[in-house]
N, C-alpha and C. Protein backbone atom coordinates (compact mmCIF):
# COMPACT_ATOMS: atom_id res chain seq x y z
N UNK A 1 -51.58 -87.07 4.14
CA UNK A 1 -52.55 -86.55 5.05
C UNK A 1 -53.28 -85.35 4.45
N UNK A 2 -53.05 -85.08 3.19
CA UNK A 2 -53.75 -83.97 2.56
C UNK A 2 -55.24 -84.24 2.41
N UNK A 3 -55.67 -85.50 2.63
CA UNK A 3 -57.09 -85.82 2.53
C UNK A 3 -57.92 -85.05 3.56
N UNK A 4 -57.34 -84.70 4.72
CA UNK A 4 -58.08 -83.94 5.74
C UNK A 4 -58.49 -82.58 5.19
N UNK A 5 -57.56 -81.89 4.55
CA UNK A 5 -57.87 -80.58 3.98
C UNK A 5 -58.84 -80.71 2.81
N UNK A 6 -58.69 -81.75 2.02
CA UNK A 6 -59.59 -81.97 0.90
C UNK A 6 -61.00 -82.27 1.40
N UNK A 7 -61.09 -83.12 2.44
CA UNK A 7 -62.39 -83.45 3.01
C UNK A 7 -63.08 -82.20 3.56
N UNK A 8 -62.32 -81.33 4.21
CA UNK A 8 -62.91 -80.09 4.75
C UNK A 8 -63.41 -79.21 3.62
N UNK A 9 -62.63 -79.09 2.54
CA UNK A 9 -63.05 -78.27 1.40
C UNK A 9 -64.29 -78.85 0.73
N UNK A 10 -64.34 -80.18 0.60
CA UNK A 10 -65.51 -80.84 0.02
C UNK A 10 -66.75 -80.58 0.87
N UNK A 11 -66.60 -80.76 2.17
CA UNK A 11 -67.72 -80.55 3.08
C UNK A 11 -68.20 -79.11 3.03
N UNK A 12 -67.28 -78.15 3.10
CA UNK A 12 -67.66 -76.74 3.05
C UNK A 12 -68.41 -76.41 1.76
N UNK A 13 -67.89 -76.92 0.64
CA UNK A 13 -68.52 -76.65 -0.65
C UNK A 13 -69.90 -77.28 -0.74
N UNK A 14 -70.02 -78.53 -0.28
CA UNK A 14 -71.31 -79.22 -0.34
C UNK A 14 -72.34 -78.54 0.55
N UNK A 15 -71.93 -78.12 1.74
CA UNK A 15 -72.87 -77.45 2.65
C UNK A 15 -73.32 -76.11 2.08
N UNK A 16 -72.41 -75.38 1.48
CA UNK A 16 -72.76 -74.10 0.86
C UNK A 16 -73.69 -74.32 -0.33
N UNK A 17 -73.38 -75.30 -1.15
CA UNK A 17 -74.19 -75.57 -2.34
C UNK A 17 -75.59 -76.05 -1.97
N UNK A 18 -75.69 -76.84 -0.90
CA UNK A 18 -76.99 -77.38 -0.49
C UNK A 18 -77.90 -76.27 0.02
N UNK A 19 -77.32 -75.31 0.75
CA UNK A 19 -78.10 -74.18 1.24
C UNK A 19 -79.36 -74.61 1.98
N UNK A 20 -80.38 -73.80 1.92
CA UNK A 20 -81.66 -74.10 2.54
C UNK A 20 -82.75 -73.99 1.48
N UNK A 21 -83.74 -74.83 1.59
CA UNK A 21 -84.85 -74.85 0.64
C UNK A 21 -86.09 -74.28 1.33
N UNK A 22 -86.27 -72.97 1.23
CA UNK A 22 -87.43 -72.34 1.85
C UNK A 22 -87.49 -72.53 3.35
N UNK A 23 -86.35 -72.59 4.00
CA UNK A 23 -86.30 -72.74 5.44
C UNK A 23 -86.36 -74.19 5.91
N UNK A 24 -86.60 -75.14 4.98
CA UNK A 24 -86.63 -76.55 5.35
C UNK A 24 -85.21 -77.05 5.58
N UNK A 25 -85.10 -78.02 6.48
CA UNK A 25 -83.78 -78.62 6.70
C UNK A 25 -83.41 -79.49 5.51
N UNK A 26 -82.17 -79.39 5.11
CA UNK A 26 -81.64 -80.15 3.99
C UNK A 26 -80.72 -81.23 4.55
N UNK A 27 -80.78 -82.43 3.98
CA UNK A 27 -79.86 -83.52 4.33
C UNK A 27 -79.09 -83.89 3.08
N UNK A 28 -77.76 -83.89 3.18
CA UNK A 28 -76.93 -84.28 2.05
C UNK A 28 -76.80 -85.80 2.08
N UNK A 29 -77.27 -86.45 1.03
CA UNK A 29 -77.31 -87.91 0.94
C UNK A 29 -76.05 -88.47 0.29
N UNK A 30 -75.61 -87.84 -0.78
CA UNK A 30 -74.47 -88.34 -1.56
C UNK A 30 -73.64 -87.17 -2.05
N UNK A 31 -72.32 -87.37 -2.03
CA UNK A 31 -71.38 -86.41 -2.59
C UNK A 31 -70.53 -87.16 -3.60
N UNK A 32 -70.47 -86.65 -4.82
CA UNK A 32 -69.67 -87.28 -5.88
C UNK A 32 -68.47 -86.39 -6.19
N UNK A 33 -67.29 -86.97 -6.07
CA UNK A 33 -66.02 -86.29 -6.30
C UNK A 33 -65.33 -86.92 -7.50
N UNK A 34 -64.70 -86.11 -8.33
CA UNK A 34 -63.89 -86.60 -9.44
C UNK A 34 -62.44 -86.20 -9.16
N UNK A 35 -61.55 -87.17 -9.25
CA UNK A 35 -60.13 -86.90 -8.99
C UNK A 35 -59.29 -87.53 -10.09
N UNK A 36 -58.30 -86.78 -10.54
CA UNK A 36 -57.39 -87.29 -11.56
C UNK A 36 -56.44 -88.33 -10.98
N UNK A 37 -55.85 -89.09 -11.88
CA UNK A 37 -54.95 -90.17 -11.48
C UNK A 37 -53.75 -89.68 -10.67
N UNK A 38 -53.35 -88.43 -10.88
CA UNK A 38 -52.20 -87.89 -10.16
C UNK A 38 -52.59 -87.05 -8.94
N UNK A 39 -53.86 -87.05 -8.59
CA UNK A 39 -54.30 -86.27 -7.42
C UNK A 39 -53.81 -86.91 -6.12
N UNK A 40 -53.54 -88.19 -6.14
CA UNK A 40 -53.01 -88.87 -4.97
C UNK A 40 -54.00 -89.00 -3.83
N UNK A 41 -55.27 -89.13 -4.16
CA UNK A 41 -56.30 -89.22 -3.12
C UNK A 41 -56.61 -90.68 -2.84
N UNK A 42 -56.55 -91.03 -1.57
CA UNK A 42 -56.89 -92.38 -1.12
C UNK A 42 -58.32 -92.35 -0.60
N UNK A 43 -59.22 -93.11 -1.23
CA UNK A 43 -60.64 -93.06 -0.86
C UNK A 43 -60.89 -93.43 0.60
N UNK A 44 -60.28 -94.48 1.14
CA UNK A 44 -60.57 -94.80 2.55
C UNK A 44 -60.21 -93.65 3.50
N UNK A 45 -59.10 -93.01 3.25
CA UNK A 45 -58.67 -91.89 4.08
C UNK A 45 -59.61 -90.71 3.93
N UNK A 46 -59.99 -90.40 2.70
CA UNK A 46 -60.92 -89.29 2.45
C UNK A 46 -62.26 -89.56 3.12
N UNK A 47 -62.76 -90.78 3.01
CA UNK A 47 -64.03 -91.13 3.64
C UNK A 47 -63.96 -90.99 5.17
N UNK A 48 -62.85 -91.42 5.75
CA UNK A 48 -62.69 -91.33 7.20
C UNK A 48 -62.75 -89.87 7.66
N UNK A 49 -61.99 -89.01 7.00
CA UNK A 49 -61.99 -87.59 7.38
C UNK A 49 -63.37 -86.96 7.16
N UNK A 50 -63.99 -87.25 6.02
CA UNK A 50 -65.29 -86.66 5.73
C UNK A 50 -66.33 -87.11 6.75
N UNK A 51 -66.30 -88.38 7.13
CA UNK A 51 -67.22 -88.90 8.14
C UNK A 51 -67.07 -88.15 9.45
N UNK A 52 -65.84 -87.94 9.88
CA UNK A 52 -65.60 -87.24 11.14
C UNK A 52 -65.98 -85.76 11.06
N UNK A 53 -65.61 -85.11 9.98
CA UNK A 53 -65.89 -83.69 9.83
C UNK A 53 -67.39 -83.40 9.67
N UNK A 54 -68.13 -84.37 9.12
CA UNK A 54 -69.56 -84.16 8.83
C UNK A 54 -70.44 -84.39 10.05
N UNK A 55 -69.88 -84.91 11.13
CA UNK A 55 -70.70 -85.15 12.33
C UNK A 55 -71.40 -83.86 12.77
N UNK A 56 -72.71 -83.98 13.02
CA UNK A 56 -73.48 -82.84 13.49
C UNK A 56 -73.85 -81.83 12.41
N UNK A 57 -73.57 -82.15 11.14
CA UNK A 57 -73.92 -81.26 10.03
C UNK A 57 -74.97 -81.94 9.16
N UNK A 58 -75.57 -81.23 8.22
CA UNK A 58 -76.51 -81.87 7.30
C UNK A 58 -75.88 -82.95 6.42
N UNK A 59 -74.56 -83.05 6.45
CA UNK A 59 -73.87 -84.06 5.64
C UNK A 59 -73.54 -85.32 6.45
N UNK A 60 -73.94 -85.35 7.71
CA UNK A 60 -73.64 -86.53 8.52
C UNK A 60 -74.31 -87.76 7.90
N UNK A 61 -73.53 -88.82 7.72
CA UNK A 61 -74.04 -90.05 7.12
C UNK A 61 -74.03 -90.06 5.61
N UNK A 62 -73.51 -89.02 4.98
CA UNK A 62 -73.49 -88.96 3.52
C UNK A 62 -72.64 -90.09 2.94
N UNK A 63 -72.98 -90.48 1.73
CA UNK A 63 -72.20 -91.47 0.99
C UNK A 63 -71.26 -90.71 0.07
N UNK A 64 -69.98 -91.07 0.11
CA UNK A 64 -68.98 -90.44 -0.76
C UNK A 64 -68.71 -91.36 -1.93
N UNK A 65 -68.84 -90.81 -3.13
CA UNK A 65 -68.50 -91.56 -4.34
C UNK A 65 -67.30 -90.86 -4.97
N UNK A 66 -66.24 -91.62 -5.18
CA UNK A 66 -65.02 -91.06 -5.78
C UNK A 66 -64.84 -91.66 -7.17
N UNK A 67 -64.89 -90.80 -8.18
CA UNK A 67 -64.65 -91.23 -9.56
C UNK A 67 -63.22 -90.81 -9.91
N UNK A 68 -62.51 -91.70 -10.54
CA UNK A 68 -61.12 -91.40 -10.90
C UNK A 68 -61.00 -91.25 -12.41
N UNK A 69 -60.34 -90.18 -12.84
CA UNK A 69 -60.06 -90.03 -14.27
C UNK A 69 -58.70 -90.67 -14.53
N UNK A 70 -58.63 -91.56 -15.51
CA UNK A 70 -57.40 -92.33 -15.72
C UNK A 70 -56.30 -91.53 -16.41
N UNK A 71 -55.11 -92.04 -16.24
CA UNK A 71 -53.97 -91.51 -16.99
C UNK A 71 -54.00 -92.13 -18.39
N UNK A 72 -53.27 -91.53 -19.30
CA UNK A 72 -53.19 -92.09 -20.65
C UNK A 72 -51.84 -91.80 -21.25
N UNK A 73 -51.46 -92.63 -22.21
CA UNK A 73 -50.25 -92.41 -22.98
C UNK A 73 -50.64 -91.75 -24.29
N UNK A 74 -49.94 -90.67 -24.64
CA UNK A 74 -50.23 -89.93 -25.87
C UNK A 74 -48.95 -89.81 -26.67
N UNK A 75 -49.02 -90.19 -27.94
CA UNK A 75 -47.85 -90.10 -28.82
C UNK A 75 -47.60 -88.64 -29.19
N UNK A 76 -46.36 -88.22 -29.04
CA UNK A 76 -45.99 -86.84 -29.40
C UNK A 76 -45.94 -86.64 -30.91
N UNK A 77 -45.86 -87.73 -31.67
CA UNK A 77 -45.75 -87.63 -33.11
C UNK A 77 -47.11 -87.68 -33.80
N UNK A 78 -47.87 -88.75 -33.55
CA UNK A 78 -49.14 -88.92 -34.27
C UNK A 78 -50.38 -88.59 -33.42
N UNK A 79 -50.20 -88.41 -32.12
CA UNK A 79 -51.32 -88.06 -31.25
C UNK A 79 -52.16 -89.24 -30.78
N UNK A 80 -51.78 -90.46 -31.18
CA UNK A 80 -52.52 -91.64 -30.74
C UNK A 80 -52.51 -91.70 -29.21
N UNK A 81 -53.69 -91.95 -28.63
CA UNK A 81 -53.80 -92.01 -27.18
C UNK A 81 -54.38 -93.35 -26.76
N UNK A 82 -53.91 -93.84 -25.63
CA UNK A 82 -54.45 -95.07 -25.07
C UNK A 82 -54.42 -94.99 -23.56
N UNK A 83 -55.38 -95.64 -22.90
CA UNK A 83 -55.42 -95.60 -21.44
C UNK A 83 -54.16 -96.20 -20.84
N UNK A 84 -53.78 -95.69 -19.69
CA UNK A 84 -52.59 -96.21 -18.99
C UNK A 84 -53.01 -96.75 -17.64
N UNK A 85 -52.68 -97.99 -17.39
CA UNK A 85 -52.95 -98.62 -16.11
C UNK A 85 -51.68 -98.53 -15.28
N UNK A 86 -51.80 -97.95 -14.10
CA UNK A 86 -50.61 -97.72 -13.27
C UNK A 86 -49.92 -99.01 -12.86
N UNK A 87 -50.55 -100.15 -13.06
CA UNK A 87 -49.94 -101.42 -12.71
C UNK A 87 -49.00 -101.97 -13.76
N UNK A 88 -48.82 -101.26 -14.85
CA UNK A 88 -47.92 -101.77 -15.90
C UNK A 88 -46.83 -100.76 -16.21
N UNK A 89 -45.86 -101.17 -16.98
CA UNK A 89 -44.76 -100.26 -17.33
C UNK A 89 -45.21 -99.30 -18.42
N UNK A 90 -44.57 -98.16 -18.47
CA UNK A 90 -44.88 -97.15 -19.47
C UNK A 90 -44.25 -97.54 -20.80
N UNK A 91 -45.09 -97.60 -21.84
CA UNK A 91 -44.58 -97.84 -23.19
C UNK A 91 -44.00 -96.53 -23.70
N UNK A 92 -42.68 -96.48 -23.88
CA UNK A 92 -42.05 -95.23 -24.29
C UNK A 92 -42.23 -94.94 -25.77
N UNK A 93 -42.61 -95.97 -26.54
CA UNK A 93 -42.83 -95.75 -27.96
C UNK A 93 -44.28 -96.07 -28.32
N UNK A 94 -44.82 -95.27 -29.22
CA UNK A 94 -46.18 -95.46 -29.71
C UNK A 94 -46.27 -96.80 -30.43
N UNK A 95 -47.34 -97.54 -30.14
CA UNK A 95 -47.50 -98.84 -30.81
C UNK A 95 -48.02 -98.69 -32.24
N UNK A 96 -48.37 -97.47 -32.65
CA UNK A 96 -48.85 -97.26 -34.02
C UNK A 96 -47.77 -96.71 -34.94
N UNK A 97 -47.00 -95.71 -34.46
CA UNK A 97 -46.02 -95.08 -35.36
C UNK A 97 -44.58 -95.18 -34.85
N UNK A 98 -44.39 -95.61 -33.61
CA UNK A 98 -43.05 -95.72 -33.05
C UNK A 98 -42.53 -94.42 -32.44
N UNK A 99 -43.35 -93.36 -32.49
CA UNK A 99 -42.94 -92.08 -31.92
C UNK A 99 -42.91 -92.13 -30.40
N UNK A 100 -42.37 -91.09 -29.78
CA UNK A 100 -42.26 -91.08 -28.32
C UNK A 100 -43.62 -90.80 -27.64
N UNK A 101 -43.92 -91.58 -26.63
CA UNK A 101 -45.13 -91.36 -25.83
C UNK A 101 -44.84 -90.44 -24.66
N UNK A 102 -45.87 -89.76 -24.21
CA UNK A 102 -45.80 -89.02 -22.95
C UNK A 102 -46.97 -89.48 -22.09
N UNK A 103 -46.76 -89.46 -20.80
CA UNK A 103 -47.82 -89.83 -19.87
C UNK A 103 -48.59 -88.58 -19.50
N UNK A 104 -49.90 -88.62 -19.69
CA UNK A 104 -50.76 -87.49 -19.34
C UNK A 104 -51.73 -87.95 -18.27
N UNK A 105 -51.86 -87.15 -17.26
CA UNK A 105 -52.82 -87.44 -16.21
C UNK A 105 -53.19 -86.13 -15.53
N UNK A 106 -54.36 -86.11 -14.99
CA UNK A 106 -54.88 -84.93 -14.34
C UNK A 106 -54.62 -85.04 -12.84
N UNK A 107 -54.31 -83.93 -12.21
CA UNK A 107 -54.16 -83.93 -10.75
C UNK A 107 -55.27 -83.12 -10.08
N UNK A 108 -56.30 -82.81 -10.85
CA UNK A 108 -57.41 -82.02 -10.32
C UNK A 108 -58.33 -82.88 -9.46
N UNK A 109 -59.04 -82.21 -8.60
CA UNK A 109 -60.06 -82.85 -7.76
C UNK A 109 -61.20 -81.85 -7.64
N UNK A 110 -62.42 -82.29 -7.96
CA UNK A 110 -63.54 -81.37 -7.85
C UNK A 110 -64.82 -82.10 -7.45
N UNK A 111 -65.74 -81.35 -6.88
CA UNK A 111 -67.04 -81.86 -6.50
C UNK A 111 -67.92 -81.86 -7.75
N UNK A 112 -68.33 -83.03 -8.18
CA UNK A 112 -69.14 -83.14 -9.39
C UNK A 112 -70.62 -82.90 -9.08
N UNK A 113 -71.10 -83.49 -7.99
CA UNK A 113 -72.52 -83.32 -7.67
C UNK A 113 -72.78 -83.67 -6.20
N UNK A 114 -73.91 -83.17 -5.74
CA UNK A 114 -74.39 -83.56 -4.42
C UNK A 114 -75.86 -83.95 -4.57
N UNK A 115 -76.28 -84.91 -3.77
CA UNK A 115 -77.68 -85.32 -3.75
C UNK A 115 -78.23 -84.95 -2.38
N UNK A 116 -79.34 -84.24 -2.38
CA UNK A 116 -79.92 -83.78 -1.12
C UNK A 116 -81.38 -84.22 -1.02
N UNK A 117 -81.87 -84.24 0.20
CA UNK A 117 -83.31 -84.41 0.41
C UNK A 117 -83.74 -83.39 1.45
N UNK A 118 -84.96 -82.94 1.32
CA UNK A 118 -85.45 -81.95 2.28
C UNK A 118 -86.62 -82.51 3.05
C-alpha cells in the first residue's frame, strides 16, 4: 500500500514543477516515473491512487507512464554484466569466467518528466 504515499509525492512534485505560466492555467497531460526493479511499485495500484488524488487538480486525467530499470547480474571477478529477468533463476556463476555473480538492482523511484499544456 506504499503506492498511496508515492502517488501523493508524485502529484505534489508534478504540481509544484508545473507551476503557473504567466497566470495561465496549466494542465498536466503526462507524468513519467522511473522505478528500479526493487522499488516494488505496482503500476495499476499507483495509477489508481494517482487518479483519485488528482481529482480537482491540474493533474486530473493525466496519463501515468512507468518506466522500470531492470536488475542485472554482475560478476564480482571480471565485472561482466547481463540483464536479469525476474522470471528466471539467478545464475550464481558468471558465464564468462565462472566467478561469483551478484544481483544488482535499483530501488529508487523518481519523476523523470511531466508534460503540460497551458
